[in-house]
Amino acid sequence: MFLLSSIGIVFLFIVCISMPLVSFLLPVYKIKKMSTLGIKERLIVNGISMGILAYIDPMFLGMYVGFFLVIEGLYYYFKNFKNNTPIFDRIFITAIVTTAIMGLYSYFLRDDISNSVVFLKEIYKAKLNLSNGEVNRIFDILKENYIFLLFIYSGISSYFTYYILDRKTYKSWDISYKWTILYIVGFFIQKYIKKEIYYGNNILEIGKLIYIIFGIRVIYSKLSERMNLKGINKFISIVIGGMFPSITFILGAIKSFNVKVRIIRK
């Protein structure tokens, strides 16, 4: 049983790193599959999985421990010890922690990453028929927004882990107003500390995204008060969030202070 579970984890790990948009599948699978196991059994399954991954590629082990195990571990931590923490706080704390770990991990692997970037640039030029300048510009944009992109990747995995496991309570998911501090810090750095503008831009974008995501939930809840159509309400709220990110951000930020938000129909 332990071996089969470990093989399933390794298989899902490979799927998740191959298709980043489904990276939530592994933590969801593990939390559901291992919920009935004791601590000893979980340690055995994780130990076997880590051994297999280390044998395949030591870099896989770092990704598994620093990303997927952290998401799973923080999920259990909040559930068992900090159950009064708002769900969106749990999601974004998890995303920030994994972003920091993956950022540090990629720093130690910077030489390997640099070699991969050179290889990818050649593929882009050959397959997409792009000029050298166009390819360099694409990778410059990726580099300038690297922390923010890491946060998006971490956030997708963390968000959908919670959504799949706890979606029945989605309408009541809340967030702390303290995330506005992150936005203010990013704005201050971007505005007044020009030599640290890289960090300022990335922190500011993370702060914006946090309240846009929460703002989508606010819109969804308001729509649900008028229409009992979960799928349609979810779709409409996402579309509104995508089309009007600034308004959605403001709604999310205001609501985080427990200020009542009203959508007035003319």
Protein backbone atom coordinates (compact mmCIF):
# COMPACT_ATOMS: atom_id res chain seq x y z
CA MET A 1 0.00 0.00 0.00
CA PHE A 2 2.78 2.42 0.93
CA LEU A 3 4.66 1.74 -2.31
CA LEU A 4 1.59 2.22 -4.51
CA SER A 5 0.72 5.48 -2.74
CA SER A 6 4.31 6.69 -3.17
CA ILE A 7 4.32 5.82 -6.89
CA GLY A 8 1.04 7.73 -7.29
CA ILE A 9 2.60 10.76 -5.58
CA VAL A 10 5.68 10.61 -7.83
CA PHE A 11 3.49 10.33 -10.94
CA LEU A 12 1.37 13.32 -9.90
CA PHE A 13 4.50 15.30 -9.06
CA ILE A 14 5.80 14.83 -12.61
CA VAL A 15 2.40 15.83 -14.01
CA CYS A 16 2.32 18.96 -11.84
CA ILE A 17 5.79 20.21 -12.78
CA SER A 18 5.06 19.47 -16.45
CA MET A 19 1.77 21.41 -16.38
CA PRO A 20 2.03 24.22 -13.79
CA LEU A 21 -1.66 25.14 -14.02
CA VAL A 22 -2.59 21.81 -12.42
CA SER A 23 0.07 21.99 -9.69
CA PHE A 24 -2.71 21.85 -7.07
CA LEU A 25 -3.46 18.21 -7.94
CA LEU A 26 -0.64 16.81 -5.82
CA PRO A 27 -1.45 18.56 -2.51
CA VAL A 28 -5.17 17.88 -3.02
CA TYR A 29 -4.51 14.19 -3.73
CA LYS A 30 -2.21 13.83 -0.73
CA ILE A 31 -4.53 15.61 1.71
CA LYS A 32 -7.52 13.53 0.59
CA LYS A 33 -5.66 10.23 0.23
CA MET A 34 -3.65 10.47 3.43
CA SER A 35 -6.31 12.00 5.68
CA THR A 36 -7.02 8.60 7.24
CA LEU A 37 -3.36 7.75 7.80
CA GLY A 38 -1.49 8.32 11.03
CA ILE A 39 1.69 10.36 11.34
CA LYS A 40 3.89 7.25 11.08
CA GLU A 41 2.21 6.08 7.87
CA ARG A 42 2.45 9.57 6.32
CA LEU A 43 6.15 9.73 7.12
CA ILE A 44 6.72 6.34 5.48
CA VAL A 45 4.85 7.32 2.29
CA ASN A 46 6.64 10.68 2.10
CA GLY A 47 9.99 9.03 2.78
CA ILE A 48 9.54 6.51 -0.04
CA SER A 49 8.32 9.26 -2.40
CA MET A 50 11.29 11.46 -1.57
CA GLY A 51 13.69 8.57 -2.10
CA ILE A 52 12.25 7.84 -5.56
CA LEU A 53 12.37 11.52 -6.56
CA ALA A 54 15.94 11.91 -5.31
CA TYR A 55 16.93 8.86 -7.36
CA ILE A 56 15.32 10.28 -10.51
CA ASP A 57 16.72 13.80 -10.05
CA PRO A 58 17.89 15.51 -6.82
CA MET A 59 16.36 18.77 -8.09
CA PHE A 60 12.95 17.07 -7.97
CA LEU A 61 13.43 16.41 -4.27
CA GLY A 62 14.05 20.11 -3.59
CA MET A 63 10.92 21.07 -5.50
CA TYR A 64 8.83 18.44 -3.72
CA VAL A 65 9.97 19.44 -0.24
CA GLY A 66 10.19 23.22 -0.76
CA PHE A 67 6.90 23.59 -2.62
CA PHE A 68 4.42 20.74 -2.37
CA LEU A 69 5.21 19.59 1.17
CA VAL A 70 5.10 23.20 2.37
CA ILE A 71 1.61 23.70 0.89
CA GLU A 72 0.40 20.48 2.47
CA GLY A 73 2.09 21.20 5.80
CA LEU A 74 0.68 24.72 6.08
CA TYR A 75 -2.80 23.44 5.20
CA TYR A 76 -2.67 21.07 8.18
CA TYR A 77 -1.07 23.73 10.39
CA PHE A 78 -3.86 26.25 9.84
CA LYS A 79 -6.56 23.59 10.09
CA ASN A 80 -5.29 22.12 13.35
CA PHE A 81 -3.63 25.04 15.15
CA LYS A 82 -4.82 28.31 13.58
CA ASN A 83 -8.35 27.49 12.53
CA ASN A 84 -9.53 31.07 13.15
CA THR A 85 -7.20 32.39 10.42
CA PRO A 86 -9.27 33.63 7.42
CA ILE A 87 -9.06 31.30 4.41
CA PHE A 88 -7.62 33.90 2.06
CA ASP A 89 -4.95 34.71 4.64
CA ARG A 90 -4.02 31.02 4.69
CA ILE A 91 -3.86 30.93 0.90
CA PHE A 92 -1.68 34.01 0.53
CA ILE A 93 0.58 33.22 3.47
CA THR A 94 1.18 29.81 1.89
CA ALA A 95 1.81 31.42 -1.51
CA ILE A 96 4.31 33.91 -0.06
CA VAL A 97 6.18 31.24 1.92
CA THR A 98 6.50 28.95 -1.11
CA THR A 99 7.46 31.92 -3.31
CA ALA A 100 10.27 32.80 -0.90
CA ILE A 101 11.49 29.20 -0.74
CA MET A 102 11.38 28.73 -4.51
CA GLY A 103 13.10 32.08 -5.03
CA LEU A 104 15.91 31.01 -2.71
CA TYR A 105 16.06 27.58 -4.35
CA SER A 106 16.31 29.09 -7.83
CA TYR A 107 19.11 31.38 -6.60
CA PHE A 108 21.23 28.36 -5.71
CA LEU A 109 20.40 26.86 -9.11
CA ARG A 110 21.03 30.08 -11.03
CA ASP A 111 23.79 28.57 -13.19
CA ASP A 112 21.54 25.71 -14.31
CA ILE A 113 18.70 28.16 -14.92
CA SER A 114 20.97 30.44 -16.98
CA ASN A 115 21.95 27.50 -19.17
CA SER A 116 18.29 26.55 -19.60
CA VAL A 117 17.41 30.13 -20.56
CA VAL A 118 20.04 30.12 -23.33
CA PHE A 119 18.58 26.86 -24.63
CA LEU A 120 15.00 28.18 -24.44
CA LYS A 121 15.93 31.35 -26.31
CA GLU A 122 17.20 29.27 -29.22
CA ILE A 123 13.97 27.26 -29.24
CA TYR A 124 11.88 30.45 -29.24
CA LYS A 125 13.83 31.87 -32.16
CA ALA A 126 13.60 28.65 -34.15
CA LYS A 127 9.99 27.64 -33.43
CA LEU A 128 8.30 31.05 -33.19
CA ASN A 129 10.39 32.78 -35.85
CA LEU A 130 11.29 35.65 -33.51
CA SER A 131 14.26 37.95 -33.79
CA ASN A 132 17.02 37.96 -31.20
CA GLY A 133 15.81 41.33 -29.88
CA GLU A 134 12.22 40.10 -29.50
CA VAL A 135 13.31 36.98 -27.62
CA ASN A 136 15.56 39.00 -25.31
CA ARG A 137 12.69 41.37 -24.57
CA ILE A 138 10.40 38.47 -23.62
CA PHE A 139 12.96 37.08 -21.21
CA ASP A 140 13.72 40.55 -19.83
CA ILE A 141 10.03 40.94 -18.94
CA LEU A 142 10.03 37.51 -17.29
CA LYS A 143 13.14 38.44 -15.32
CA GLU A 144 11.72 41.81 -14.23
CA ASN A 145 8.57 40.11 -12.91
CA TYR A 146 10.17 36.90 -11.65
CA ILE A 147 9.02 37.19 -8.02
CA PHE A 148 5.49 38.11 -9.08
CA LEU A 149 5.34 35.17 -11.52
CA LEU A 150 6.56 32.82 -8.79
CA PHE A 151 3.79 34.16 -6.56
CA ILE A 152 1.20 33.54 -9.29
CA TYR A 153 2.39 29.94 -9.65
CA SER A 154 2.36 29.42 -5.88
CA GLY A 155 -0.97 31.20 -5.55
CA ILE A 156 -2.67 29.04 -8.19
CA SER A 157 -1.61 25.87 -6.40
CA SER A 158 -2.54 27.18 -2.95
CA TYR A 159 -5.86 28.73 -4.04
CA PHE A 160 -7.17 25.66 -5.85
CA THR A 161 -6.00 23.36 -3.06
CA TYR A 162 -8.28 25.23 -0.69
CA TYR A 163 -11.04 25.72 -3.26
CA ILE A 164 -11.31 22.02 -4.11
CA LEU A 165 -11.16 20.93 -0.47
CA ASP A 166 -13.30 23.71 1.06
CA ARG A 167 -15.35 25.19 -1.80
CA LYS A 168 -18.65 24.75 0.08
CA THR A 169 -17.66 27.66 2.32
CA TYR A 170 -16.28 29.85 -0.51
CA LYS A 171 -18.87 32.60 -0.06
CA SER A 172 -17.69 33.18 3.51
CA TRP A 173 -13.95 33.17 2.80
CA ASP A 174 -12.51 36.28 4.39
CA ILE A 175 -9.22 38.19 4.41
CA SER A 176 -7.33 40.49 6.77
CA TYR A 177 -7.00 44.20 6.13
CA LYS A 178 -3.31 43.85 7.02
CA TRP A 179 -2.49 42.87 3.42
CA THR A 180 -2.86 46.55 2.57
CA ILE A 181 0.50 46.98 4.33
CA LEU A 182 2.12 44.86 1.62
CA TYR A 183 0.62 47.09 -1.07
CA ILE A 184 1.71 50.26 0.74
CA VAL A 185 5.27 48.94 1.18
CA GLY A 186 5.48 48.07 -2.52
CA PHE A 187 4.13 51.49 -3.50
CA PHE A 188 6.59 53.26 -1.18
CA ILE A 189 9.59 51.33 -2.54
CA GLN A 190 8.52 51.89 -6.14
CA LYS A 191 7.95 55.60 -5.57
CA TYR A 192 10.88 56.59 -3.36
CA ILE A 193 13.61 53.92 -3.46
CA LYS A 194 14.51 53.75 -7.13
CA LYS A 195 17.48 51.42 -6.68
CA GLU A 196 15.09 48.79 -5.27
CA ILE A 197 12.41 49.30 -7.93
CA TYR A 198 12.60 45.61 -8.92
CA TYR A 199 11.34 44.55 -5.49
CA GLY A 200 8.93 47.48 -5.31
CA ASN A 201 7.24 46.56 -8.59
CA ASN A 202 6.93 42.89 -7.70
CA ILE A 203 5.64 43.53 -4.16
CA LEU A 204 3.15 46.09 -5.49
CA GLU A 205 1.80 43.66 -8.09
CA ILE A 206 1.46 40.94 -5.45
CA GLY A 207 -0.47 43.34 -3.20
CA LYS A 208 -2.79 44.26 -6.08
CA LEU A 209 -3.41 40.64 -7.05
CA ILE A 210 -4.27 39.63 -3.48
CA TYR A 211 -7.15 42.10 -3.30
CA ILE A 212 -8.27 41.46 -6.87
CA ILE A 213 -8.67 37.75 -6.03
CA PHE A 214 -10.56 38.64 -2.86
CA GLY A 215 -12.59 41.23 -4.77
CA ILE A 216 -13.76 38.49 -7.13
CA ARG A 217 -15.10 36.62 -4.09
CA VAL A 218 -16.89 39.78 -2.95
CA ILE A 219 -18.54 40.17 -6.36
CA TYR A 220 -19.47 36.47 -6.37
CA SER A 221 -21.13 36.77 -2.96
CA LYS A 222 -23.12 39.82 -4.06
CA LEU A 223 -24.28 38.07 -7.24
CA SER A 224 -25.25 35.00 -5.21
CA GLU A 225 -27.60 37.15 -3.13
CA ARG A 226 -29.55 37.81 -6.33
CA MET A 227 -29.06 34.62 -8.37
CA ASN A 228 -28.68 31.07 -7.07
CA LEU A 229 -26.52 30.03 -10.03
CA LYS A 230 -23.09 29.14 -8.66
CA GLY A 231 -21.33 28.38 -11.95
CA ILE A 232 -22.65 31.45 -13.75
CA ASN A 233 -21.98 33.71 -10.77
CA LYS A 234 -18.42 32.43 -10.55
CA PHE A 235 -17.87 32.99 -14.26
CA ILE A 236 -19.34 36.51 -14.20
CA SER A 237 -17.29 37.50 -11.14
CA ILE A 238 -14.07 36.29 -12.79
CA VAL A 239 -14.91 38.17 -16.01
CA ILE A 240 -15.64 41.36 -14.06
CA GLY A 241 -12.39 40.93 -12.13
CA GLY A 242 -10.46 40.50 -15.38
CA MET A 243 -12.11 43.40 -17.19
CA PHE A 244 -12.12 45.85 -14.27
CA PRO A 245 -9.15 44.89 -12.07
CA SER A 246 -8.84 48.34 -10.46
CA ILE A 247 -12.48 48.41 -9.35
CA THR A 248 -12.24 44.80 -8.16
CA PHE A 249 -9.09 45.68 -6.20
CA ILE A 250 -10.86 48.59 -4.51
CA LEU A 251 -13.87 46.42 -3.63
CA GLY A 252 -11.60 43.78 -2.13
CA ALA A 253 -9.54 46.29 -0.16
CA ILE A 254 -12.62 48.06 1.24
CA LYS A 255 -14.30 44.78 2.18
CA SER A 256 -11.17 43.61 4.02
CA PHE A 257 -11.85 46.37 6.56
CA ASN A 258 -15.35 44.87 7.04
CA VAL A 259 -16.95 47.83 5.30
CA LYS A 260 -20.24 46.88 3.69
CA VAL A 261 -20.06 46.89 -0.10
CA ARG A 262 -23.23 47.49 -2.06
CA ILE A 263 -23.72 46.93 -5.77
CA ILE A 264 -26.46 49.33 -6.83
CA ARG A 265 -28.63 48.38 -9.78
CA LYS A 266 -30.04 51.24 -11.79
